[in-house]
Amino acid sequence: MTESDFGNIAIRPAVEEDFDFVVELMDSALSPYYGGDHRAHAERIFKTHISGGVDQLGFFSREQKMFVATVNNQPAGMIHVVGKRQCTYKISPLIVAETYRNTRGLGTLLLDHAEKYARDAKARQIYCTVAENNSSALGFFRAKGYIPAGKSASHYKTNITEVMLYKHFVDSDFESRFDRVNISVVPLGPSHEKQVRDLLLENLPPFFDGIDDDWVNSLFGGYERRDSQDINLKYKLIYVAVNRDNTVLGVAGATPKKGEPIKVMPFLATTLPAFVALLSDIPFLLKDFGRKLYIHIAPTSSETLALQQRGWNLDAVLPEAYHLGIVTEQWSSDLDNPNFMRQMRIKKTFLDLIRKGEKTLEVRVGYNNIRSITDGELIRLTTFHENQVIKVNQVRKYDSFAAMMEEEDFDRIAPGRSEEDVFSLLKDIYPPEKESLGVIVLDISPQRI
C-alpha cells in the first residue's frame, strides 16, 4: 500500500463487489474509441476472472486476470490482462476512473503490477492497443517504454486509428551478454577494407543478388569520391562497427540522393550489438548530408525490435525486390524531426547509476563526433532496451586517462569502484591508439523529458 494526496492506495485482484464499478468504467471510458457492447465485454472478462481466470472461450487466450486499484478502500481504477499461448500478455484495458486521474501514479501502479504479474509468469512480452486520438493514454504508454509497432485505420471503430504497442521483457543475462563487447563506429579506413569485402561477399548474397567483387569495388570507388560531395557522382560515406581489436563486425554505406534523402545500403552486421551500434550512431553521423535516412534490409526479429525501439519507421515491404524468395523491407528515420538528438550507447549498469544521480561523469575518447559535443547539449543515452536523456553541463578535455584521473573524481565515473579499478576499466575499453585521440569528460545530469 502507498500514500498519495488522495489517501491510501492499494492494488488487489478484482472481487465480486467490483462488478458494477468495472462494467460502468469500461463502458464510459471505451465507448468514445471502440465500437461494440462494452458492458457485455466487461461482464465476460470479469466472470472469467472471478471463476478462476481460465479462458474457456479464447482461441489463443489461456488466462484472464483483473486487478483493481483502490483509494481508501474505494475502487479507483482497473487493469485486465490476457495471458496468451505464445507466452505474451495483452493489456485489455487499463482505465483509471475520472475522479482519480490526477492521483499521482495510480495508472503507473496498475501497469507496474500487471507487468510484474506477466514477468512472474515468464512472459517474454506485454502489449496493448490504444486509439491514436486518445493522446493521454498513448503518451502514458510511450513514457513507460512501450514501442509503437504499427497502426490500423478504422480498426475497432470507424474513423478511429488504433496504435499497437509492446514492451519486450529482457533478463539480466541478455543485458550482460549484450554489453560484454565494446564496439566503436568509425569511418572506413584502409585496414578495414579487406574485412569489409569479405563480410559483404559472405553475408549479403543470400538476401541480395548481384553482390560480387565488382559491386564491392563500386562501393569503395564511391567512398573515394566522398570529398566531392557531388550527388551526381554518387559519392558514398562508409562507416564500420569494430571491436577493441579493430575487427569489423558491421558496415553501413550511405549514398546521399537528390532531394536530400540518404540511402544506407549496405547495412549489415554479424552481431546484434554491432547492428545496434550502427543503428544508434549513423543518424547523427549523417545528419549534415540529408534530411532522412532509409535502408533496405531483411531484418531478423531482434533487428526489427532494435529498429522500432529507436524510432525507425517501416515504409514498405518489397517481395523479391533484390532476391528470389526474399522479402526486403524499407525502414526510414527522419533527421529533421524537431525531437532529433544525438544518441550515445551505454552499458545498462551505468545507465542505472546515471538515473539515480550517482554517476555524473561520462568518459569517452576524442572521435570527431564526440569532440563536437557542446555544453548544454541534450543527448539520449541508450542500452538495447532502455534510454535516458541527459544534459551535458560541461565538456572537459584531457590528453590521457592518467591526466584526467588527476583532476576528476573517479567515484563520479564508476561509483563504488576504486581509483585503480576505474583506470583499468577505461584502459580495457579503449586501447592506446584510441586513448591517443584525447579524452573527453562529460559532466552530466539526467533529464525528465
Protein backbone atom coordinates (compact mmCIF):
# COMPACT_ATOMS: atom_id res chain seq x y z
CA MET A 1 0.00 0.00 0.00
CA THR A 2 1.23 3.52 -0.81
CA GLU A 3 0.34 7.03 0.31
CA SER A 4 -0.83 9.83 -2.02
CA ASP A 5 -2.66 13.15 -1.83
CA PHE A 6 -5.85 11.12 -2.11
CA GLY A 7 -5.06 8.72 0.74
CA ASN A 8 -4.05 5.07 0.86
CA ILE A 9 -3.69 3.29 -2.48
CA ALA A 10 -3.70 -0.49 -2.92
CA ILE A 11 -3.70 -2.86 -5.91
CA ARG A 12 -5.57 -6.15 -5.49
CA PRO A 13 -7.31 -8.81 -7.60
CA ALA A 14 -10.87 -7.85 -8.56
CA VAL A 15 -13.60 -9.29 -6.29
CA GLU A 16 -17.34 -9.82 -6.76
CA GLU A 17 -18.17 -6.43 -5.25
CA ASP A 18 -16.21 -4.69 -8.06
CA PHE A 19 -18.59 -5.87 -10.80
CA ASP A 20 -20.70 -2.72 -11.17
CA PHE A 21 -17.63 -0.47 -10.95
CA VAL A 22 -15.81 -2.40 -13.70
CA VAL A 23 -18.81 -2.51 -16.05
CA GLU A 24 -19.57 1.20 -15.71
CA LEU A 25 -15.90 2.17 -16.00
CA MET A 26 -15.29 0.16 -19.16
CA ASP A 27 -18.50 1.33 -20.82
CA SER A 28 -17.87 5.04 -20.17
CA ALA A 29 -14.13 5.00 -20.97
CA LEU A 30 -14.14 2.77 -24.07
CA SER A 31 -17.23 3.98 -25.93
CA PRO A 32 -15.61 7.08 -27.48
CA TYR A 33 -12.86 5.00 -29.07
CA TYR A 34 -14.26 1.49 -29.63
CA GLY A 35 -17.37 0.02 -31.15
CA GLY A 36 -19.32 -2.90 -29.72
CA ASP A 37 -21.10 -3.80 -26.48
CA HIS A 38 -18.63 -2.86 -23.74
CA ARG A 39 -20.96 -3.97 -20.95
CA ALA A 40 -21.13 -7.49 -22.37
CA HIS A 41 -17.35 -7.49 -22.82
CA ALA A 42 -16.83 -6.33 -19.24
CA GLU A 43 -19.22 -8.95 -17.88
CA ARG A 44 -17.50 -11.75 -19.80
CA ILE A 45 -13.94 -10.95 -18.72
CA PHE A 46 -15.00 -10.19 -15.14
CA LYS A 47 -16.80 -13.52 -14.78
CA THR A 48 -13.82 -15.35 -16.28
CA HIS A 49 -11.50 -13.74 -13.74
CA ILE A 50 -13.82 -14.43 -10.80
CA SER A 51 -14.25 -18.05 -11.92
CA GLY A 52 -10.51 -18.69 -11.64
CA GLY A 53 -9.15 -16.91 -14.71
CA VAL A 54 -9.15 -19.86 -17.13
CA ASP A 55 -10.36 -18.66 -20.52
CA GLN A 56 -12.74 -21.28 -21.91
CA LEU A 57 -13.68 -19.26 -24.98
CA GLY A 58 -10.49 -17.65 -26.22
CA PHE A 59 -8.72 -19.14 -29.24
CA PHE A 60 -5.20 -18.02 -28.29
CA SER A 61 -6.04 -16.84 -24.76
CA ARG A 62 -5.42 -19.13 -21.81
CA GLU A 63 -5.90 -16.77 -18.86
CA GLN A 64 -7.87 -13.66 -17.88
CA LYS A 65 -6.72 -11.70 -14.83
CA MET A 66 -8.13 -8.44 -13.46
CA PHE A 67 -6.68 -6.11 -10.84
CA VAL A 68 -8.37 -3.14 -9.17
CA ALA A 69 -6.73 -0.06 -7.68
CA THR A 70 -8.39 1.28 -4.55
CA VAL A 71 -8.04 4.62 -2.79
CA ASN A 72 -9.09 4.46 0.85
CA ASN A 73 -10.67 1.09 0.03
CA GLN A 74 -12.81 2.57 -2.79
CA PRO A 75 -12.29 1.25 -6.36
CA ALA A 76 -10.50 3.86 -8.46
CA GLY A 77 -9.09 2.05 -11.48
CA MET A 78 -8.61 -1.35 -13.09
CA ILE A 79 -6.34 -3.28 -15.40
CA HIS A 80 -7.19 -6.51 -17.17
CA VAL A 81 -4.51 -8.74 -18.71
CA VAL A 82 -4.92 -11.69 -21.03
CA GLY A 83 -2.33 -14.48 -20.96
CA LYS A 84 -1.68 -15.85 -24.43
CA ARG A 85 -0.49 -19.28 -25.55
CA GLN A 86 2.57 -17.61 -27.07
CA CYS A 87 3.95 -16.57 -23.64
CA THR A 88 2.79 -12.97 -24.11
CA TYR A 89 0.24 -10.88 -22.21
CA LYS A 90 -2.20 -8.32 -23.56
CA ILE A 91 -3.43 -5.33 -21.55
CA SER A 92 -7.13 -5.01 -22.32
CA PRO A 93 -7.85 -2.48 -20.85
CA LEU A 94 -6.16 -0.17 -18.30
CA ILE A 95 -8.54 2.52 -17.01
CA VAL A 96 -8.39 4.99 -14.14
CA ALA A 97 -11.72 6.46 -13.01
CA GLU A 98 -12.02 10.12 -14.00
CA THR A 99 -12.24 11.27 -10.37
CA TYR A 100 -8.81 9.81 -9.68
CA ARG A 101 -6.95 10.65 -12.88
CA ASN A 102 -4.92 13.30 -11.14
CA THR A 103 -3.86 10.83 -8.45
CA ARG A 104 -0.10 10.70 -8.63
CA GLY A 105 0.99 7.39 -10.10
CA LEU A 106 -2.29 5.43 -9.98
CA GLY A 107 -2.03 4.32 -13.61
CA THR A 108 1.66 3.59 -13.14
CA LEU A 109 0.97 1.41 -10.10
CA LEU A 110 -1.62 -0.59 -12.04
CA LEU A 111 0.72 -1.02 -15.01
CA ASP A 112 3.69 -1.96 -12.82
CA HIS A 113 1.56 -4.55 -11.03
CA ALA A 114 0.42 -6.10 -14.30
CA GLU A 115 3.94 -6.15 -15.72
CA LYS A 116 5.26 -7.88 -12.61
CA TYR A 117 2.47 -10.44 -12.88
CA ALA A 118 3.40 -11.10 -16.52
CA ARG A 119 7.11 -11.31 -15.75
CA ASP A 120 6.47 -13.74 -12.89
CA ALA A 121 4.52 -15.86 -15.39
CA LYS A 122 7.66 -15.95 -17.60
CA ALA A 123 6.13 -13.80 -20.33
CA ARG A 124 8.54 -12.53 -22.95
CA GLN A 125 6.39 -9.58 -24.00
CA ILE A 126 3.40 -7.49 -22.92
CA TYR A 127 1.37 -5.45 -25.41
CA CYS A 128 -1.71 -3.29 -25.88
CA THR A 129 -3.55 -1.19 -28.43
CA VAL A 130 -4.53 2.45 -27.94
CA ALA A 131 -6.69 4.77 -30.03
CA GLU A 132 -4.41 7.31 -31.70
CA ASN A 133 -6.61 10.24 -30.69
CA ASN A 134 -6.55 9.12 -27.05
CA SER A 135 -3.42 11.22 -26.64
CA SER A 136 -3.17 10.94 -22.86
CA ALA A 137 -3.23 7.12 -22.91
CA LEU A 138 -0.85 6.96 -25.87
CA GLY A 139 1.57 9.33 -24.19
CA PHE A 140 1.35 7.36 -20.96
CA PHE A 141 2.34 4.07 -22.58
CA ARG A 142 5.12 5.69 -24.64
CA ALA A 143 6.54 7.22 -21.44
CA LYS A 144 6.51 3.76 -19.85
CA GLY A 145 8.71 2.34 -22.58
CA TYR A 146 6.06 0.84 -24.87
CA ILE A 147 7.16 0.73 -28.51
CA PRO A 148 4.80 1.52 -31.40
CA ALA A 149 4.63 -1.48 -33.73
CA GLY A 150 2.13 -0.08 -36.23
CA LYS A 151 -1.27 1.49 -36.86
CA SER A 152 -4.58 0.32 -38.26
CA ALA A 153 -7.20 2.78 -39.52
CA SER A 154 -10.86 2.19 -38.52
CA HIS A 155 -9.78 -0.94 -36.65
CA TYR A 156 -12.16 -1.18 -33.69
CA LYS A 157 -14.30 1.82 -34.64
CA THR A 158 -14.88 3.67 -37.91
CA ASN A 159 -12.57 6.68 -38.34
CA ILE A 160 -10.57 5.78 -35.25
CA THR A 161 -6.96 4.68 -35.86
CA GLU A 162 -5.62 2.10 -33.43
CA VAL A 163 -1.93 2.07 -32.45
CA MET A 164 -0.28 -1.22 -31.49
CA LEU A 165 2.37 -1.01 -28.75
CA TYR A 166 4.52 -3.52 -26.89
CA LYS A 167 7.24 -3.88 -24.28
CA HIS A 168 9.76 -6.68 -24.62
CA PHE A 169 10.94 -8.19 -21.34
CA VAL A 170 14.68 -8.78 -21.07
CA ASP A 171 16.53 -10.74 -18.43
CA SER A 172 19.79 -9.64 -16.86
CA ASP A 173 21.71 -12.38 -18.67
CA PHE A 174 20.79 -10.86 -22.03
CA GLU A 175 21.87 -7.39 -20.89
CA SER A 176 25.16 -8.80 -19.63
CA ARG A 177 25.88 -10.60 -22.90
CA PHE A 178 24.88 -7.60 -24.98
CA ASP A 179 27.14 -5.24 -23.00
CA ARG A 180 30.12 -7.58 -22.95
CA VAL A 181 31.75 -6.34 -26.17
CA ASN A 182 32.81 -2.70 -26.62
CA ILE A 183 32.03 -1.51 -30.13
CA SER A 184 33.00 1.72 -31.90
CA VAL A 185 31.54 3.09 -35.12
CA VAL A 186 34.26 4.78 -37.20
CA PRO A 187 34.82 5.84 -40.82
CA LEU A 188 36.15 3.12 -43.10
CA GLY A 189 39.96 3.03 -43.13
CA PRO A 190 42.47 1.12 -45.29
CA SER A 191 42.90 -1.52 -42.57
CA HIS A 192 39.19 -2.31 -42.73
CA GLU A 193 38.76 -2.80 -46.47
CA LYS A 194 39.61 -6.48 -46.79
CA GLN A 195 37.47 -7.35 -43.77
CA VAL A 196 34.55 -5.35 -45.21
CA ARG A 197 34.90 -7.03 -48.59
CA ASP A 198 34.92 -10.50 -47.02
CA LEU A 199 31.99 -9.64 -44.73
CA LEU A 200 29.85 -8.37 -47.61
CA LEU A 201 30.65 -11.22 -50.00
CA GLU A 202 29.93 -13.81 -47.33
CA ASN A 203 26.75 -12.38 -45.82
CA LEU A 204 24.85 -10.37 -48.45
CA PRO A 205 24.34 -12.82 -51.37
CA PRO A 206 21.61 -14.88 -49.63
CA PHE A 207 19.50 -11.69 -49.49
CA PHE A 208 20.68 -9.57 -52.44
CA ASP A 209 21.54 -10.75 -55.95
CA GLY A 210 24.47 -9.17 -57.78
CA ILE A 211 26.86 -8.99 -54.84
CA ASP A 212 30.34 -9.71 -56.16
CA ASP A 213 33.83 -8.17 -56.24
CA ASP A 214 32.81 -5.65 -58.89
CA TRP A 215 29.94 -4.47 -56.67
CA VAL A 216 32.30 -4.06 -53.69
CA ASN A 217 34.78 -2.21 -55.94
CA SER A 218 31.99 0.18 -56.93
CA LEU A 219 31.14 0.74 -53.25
CA PHE A 220 34.75 1.56 -52.42
CA GLY A 221 35.00 3.75 -55.53
CA GLY A 222 32.10 5.86 -54.33
CA TYR A 223 33.85 6.22 -50.99
CA GLU A 224 36.96 7.53 -52.72
CA ARG A 225 34.76 10.29 -54.22
CA ARG A 226 33.36 11.31 -50.81
CA ASP A 227 35.22 14.63 -50.66
CA SER A 228 33.41 15.81 -53.81
CA GLN A 229 30.03 15.75 -52.02
CA ASP A 230 28.51 15.79 -55.52
CA ILE A 231 25.37 13.64 -55.57
CA ASN A 232 25.68 13.27 -59.35
CA LEU A 233 28.95 11.46 -58.77
CA LYS A 234 27.15 9.10 -56.38
CA TYR A 235 29.72 9.57 -53.66
CA LYS A 236 29.44 7.35 -50.60
CA LEU A 237 30.16 7.56 -46.90
CA ILE A 238 31.11 4.28 -45.23
CA TYR A 239 31.23 3.51 -41.53
CA VAL A 240 32.26 0.30 -39.83
CA ALA A 241 31.43 -1.18 -36.43
CA VAL A 242 34.63 -2.54 -34.88
CA ASN A 243 35.52 -4.16 -31.58
CA ARG A 244 38.50 -3.33 -29.39
CA ASP A 245 40.80 -5.39 -31.65
CA ASN A 246 39.63 -3.45 -34.74
CA THR A 247 37.75 -6.48 -36.08
CA VAL A 248 34.95 -5.37 -38.40
CA LEU A 249 31.56 -6.62 -37.19
CA GLY A 250 29.32 -4.42 -39.32
CA VAL A 251 29.27 -1.90 -42.18
CA ALA A 252 26.97 0.85 -43.38
CA GLY A 253 27.39 2.54 -46.75
CA ALA A 254 25.49 5.81 -47.27
CA THR A 255 24.62 7.46 -50.59
CA PRO A 256 23.10 10.98 -50.39
CA LYS A 257 20.37 11.36 -53.01
CA LYS A 258 18.66 14.17 -54.93
CA GLY A 259 16.01 15.73 -52.70
CA GLU A 260 18.18 15.06 -49.62
CA PRO A 261 17.25 11.52 -48.60
CA ILE A 262 20.19 9.25 -47.84
CA LYS A 263 20.10 5.60 -48.87
CA VAL A 264 22.08 3.43 -46.46
CA MET A 265 22.94 0.26 -48.31
CA PRO A 266 24.65 -1.96 -47.41
CA PHE A 267 23.55 -2.01 -43.79
CA LEU A 268 24.91 -5.22 -42.35
CA ALA A 269 26.18 -6.55 -39.04
CA THR A 270 27.23 -10.01 -37.95
CA THR A 271 26.25 -9.47 -34.30
CA LEU A 272 23.29 -7.75 -32.65
CA PRO A 273 25.48 -5.32 -30.64
CA ALA A 274 27.18 -4.24 -33.87
CA PHE A 275 23.81 -3.79 -35.59
CA VAL A 276 22.57 -1.63 -32.71
CA ALA A 277 25.82 0.36 -32.70
CA LEU A 278 25.39 1.27 -36.37
CA LEU A 279 21.69 1.97 -35.94
CA SER A 280 22.32 4.27 -32.98
CA ASP A 281 25.35 6.17 -34.30
CA ILE A 282 24.70 6.52 -38.03
CA PRO A 283 21.85 9.08 -37.85
CA PHE A 284 23.94 11.73 -36.10
CA LEU A 285 27.00 10.99 -38.22
CA LEU A 286 24.95 11.57 -41.38
CA LYS A 287 22.69 14.43 -40.28
CA ASP A 288 24.66 17.07 -42.20
CA PHE A 289 24.26 15.18 -45.50
CA GLY A 290 20.47 14.96 -45.80
CA ARG A 291 17.08 15.15 -44.12
CA LYS A 292 16.21 11.46 -43.76
CA LEU A 293 17.79 8.02 -43.89
CA TYR A 294 16.35 4.90 -45.47
CA ILE A 295 17.66 1.36 -45.56
CA HIS A 296 16.70 -1.78 -47.46
CA ILE A 297 17.09 -4.82 -45.27
CA ALA A 298 15.65 -8.25 -44.49
CA PRO A 299 15.84 -7.93 -40.69
CA THR A 300 15.71 -10.64 -38.05
CA SER A 301 13.19 -10.33 -35.22
CA SER A 302 15.88 -8.88 -32.91
CA GLU A 303 16.91 -6.37 -35.56
CA THR A 304 13.27 -5.39 -36.08
CA LEU A 305 12.94 -4.83 -32.35
CA ALA A 306 16.05 -2.62 -32.40
CA LEU A 307 14.71 -0.60 -35.35
CA GLN A 308 11.35 0.02 -33.68
CA GLN A 309 12.91 0.89 -30.34
CA ARG A 310 14.98 3.60 -31.99
CA GLY A 311 12.04 5.14 -33.79
CA TRP A 312 12.70 3.90 -37.31
CA ASN A 313 9.56 3.60 -39.47
CA LEU A 314 8.64 0.68 -41.71
CA ASP A 315 7.81 2.32 -45.07
CA ALA A 316 7.44 -0.58 -47.47
CA VAL A 317 7.52 -4.36 -47.82
CA LEU A 318 9.22 -5.38 -51.07
CA PRO A 319 8.79 -9.04 -52.05
CA GLU A 320 11.60 -10.31 -54.30
CA ALA A 321 12.91 -6.81 -54.99
CA TYR A 322 16.51 -7.94 -54.51
CA HIS A 323 16.41 -11.73 -54.38
CA LEU A 324 14.00 -14.51 -55.37
CA GLY A 325 12.06 -15.70 -52.32
CA ILE A 326 13.27 -12.86 -50.06
CA VAL A 327 11.10 -10.07 -48.68
CA THR A 328 13.07 -6.84 -48.29
CA GLU A 329 11.80 -4.04 -46.07
CA GLN A 330 12.38 -0.30 -46.32
CA TRP A 331 12.88 1.46 -42.98
CA SER A 332 13.45 5.19 -42.56
CA SER A 333 14.46 7.71 -39.92
CA ASP A 334 13.77 11.46 -40.15
CA LEU A 335 16.80 13.60 -39.37
CA ASP A 336 14.83 16.88 -39.40
CA ASN A 337 12.48 15.71 -36.65
CA PRO A 338 12.29 18.53 -34.04
CA ASN A 339 12.98 15.94 -31.33
CA PHE A 340 16.07 14.56 -33.07
CA MET A 341 19.15 14.41 -30.86
CA ARG A 342 22.48 12.66 -30.66
CA GLN A 343 22.41 9.10 -29.31
CA MET A 344 25.22 7.55 -27.29
CA ARG A 345 25.35 3.90 -26.33
CA ILE A 346 26.00 3.00 -22.71
CA LYS A 347 26.04 -0.14 -20.60
CA LYS A 348 22.92 -0.90 -18.58
CA THR A 349 24.71 -0.83 -15.22
CA PHE A 350 26.00 2.68 -15.89
CA LEU A 351 22.63 3.91 -17.18
CA ASP A 352 21.02 2.79 -13.91
CA LEU A 353 23.64 4.75 -11.94
CA ILE A 354 23.06 7.85 -14.06
CA ARG A 355 19.32 7.68 -13.45
CA LYS A 356 19.97 7.51 -9.70
CA GLY A 357 22.17 10.61 -9.93
CA GLU A 358 25.20 8.67 -8.71
CA LYS A 359 27.20 8.60 -11.95
CA THR A 360 27.61 12.20 -13.11
CA LEU A 361 30.70 11.91 -15.30
CA GLU A 362 30.85 10.06 -18.61
CA VAL A 363 34.27 9.48 -20.19
CA ARG A 364 34.83 8.99 -23.92
CA VAL A 365 37.74 9.33 -26.34
CA GLY A 366 38.11 12.04 -28.94
CA TYR A 367 36.42 10.75 -32.08
CA ASN A 368 35.30 13.68 -34.23
CA ASN A 369 31.64 13.16 -33.33
CA ILE A 370 32.47 13.14 -29.60
CA ARG A 371 34.57 16.29 -29.92
CA SER A 372 31.53 18.05 -31.39
CA ILE A 373 29.56 17.70 -28.12
CA THR A 374 28.88 21.09 -26.57
CA ASP A 375 27.99 22.46 -23.14
CA GLY A 376 24.22 22.41 -22.62
CA GLU A 377 23.55 19.75 -25.28
CA LEU A 378 20.86 17.14 -24.69
CA ILE A 379 21.89 13.57 -25.55
CA ARG A 380 19.90 10.35 -25.50
CA LEU A 381 21.81 7.54 -23.80
CA THR A 382 20.71 4.09 -24.97
CA THR A 383 21.07 0.47 -23.98
CA PHE A 384 19.47 -2.26 -26.06
CA HIS A 385 16.04 -1.75 -24.44
CA GLU A 386 16.19 1.49 -22.50
CA ASN A 387 17.09 5.14 -22.95
CA GLN A 388 17.61 8.23 -20.86
CA VAL A 389 18.04 11.86 -21.91
CA ILE A 390 20.89 13.69 -20.21
CA LYS A 391 22.10 17.26 -20.25
CA VAL A 392 25.80 17.93 -20.76
CA ASN A 393 26.58 20.55 -18.17
CA GLN A 394 30.22 20.89 -19.16
CA VAL A 395 32.74 19.27 -21.53
CA ARG A 396 36.33 18.88 -20.31
CA LYS A 397 39.27 17.60 -22.39
CA TYR A 398 42.49 15.83 -21.43
CA ASP A 399 45.46 14.33 -23.23
CA SER A 400 45.30 10.96 -21.45
CA PHE A 401 43.40 8.91 -18.88
CA ALA A 402 46.21 9.49 -16.39
CA ALA A 403 45.91 13.27 -16.76
CA MET A 404 42.16 13.04 -16.46
CA MET A 405 42.30 10.91 -13.30
CA GLU A 406 44.48 13.54 -11.61
CA GLU A 407 41.72 16.14 -11.98
CA GLU A 408 38.40 14.27 -11.91
CA ASP A 409 36.57 12.46 -9.10
CA PHE A 410 36.82 8.79 -10.09
CA ASP A 411 33.76 7.90 -7.95
CA ARG A 412 31.62 10.05 -10.25
CA ILE A 413 32.80 7.96 -13.25
CA ALA A 414 32.12 4.47 -11.86
CA PRO A 415 30.54 4.73 -8.40
CA GLY A 416 31.58 2.08 -5.90
CA ARG A 417 34.86 1.20 -7.61
CA SER A 418 38.39 2.01 -6.54
CA GLU A 419 40.53 4.51 -8.41
CA GLU A 420 42.66 1.65 -9.73
CA ASP A 421 39.57 -0.23 -10.96
CA VAL A 422 38.23 2.84 -12.77
CA PHE A 423 41.56 3.41 -14.50
CA SER A 424 41.76 -0.26 -15.54
CA LEU A 425 38.16 -0.16 -16.78
CA LEU A 426 38.89 2.76 -19.10
CA LYS A 427 42.07 1.11 -20.36
CA ASP A 428 40.13 -2.10 -21.09
CA ILE A 429 37.52 -0.24 -23.10
CA TYR A 430 39.90 1.97 -25.07
CA PRO A 431 43.26 0.64 -26.38
CA PRO A 432 46.22 3.04 -26.60
CA GLU A 433 45.53 4.12 -30.19
CA LYS A 434 42.06 5.27 -29.18
CA GLU A 435 43.27 6.97 -25.99
CA SER A 436 45.71 8.91 -28.20
CA LEU A 437 42.71 10.68 -29.77
CA GLY A 438 42.30 12.53 -26.49
CA VAL A 439 39.99 12.02 -23.51
CA ILE A 440 36.62 13.78 -23.27
CA VAL A 441 34.82 14.08 -19.93
CA LEU A 442 31.13 14.95 -19.95
CA ASP A 443 29.71 16.38 -16.74
CA ILE A 444 26.08 15.22 -17.00
CA SER A 445 22.71 15.19 -15.28
CA PRO A 446 19.60 13.12 -16.12
CA GLN A 447 16.59 14.94 -17.55
CA ARG A 448 12.86 14.26 -17.43
CA ILE A 449 11.52 14.73 -20.97
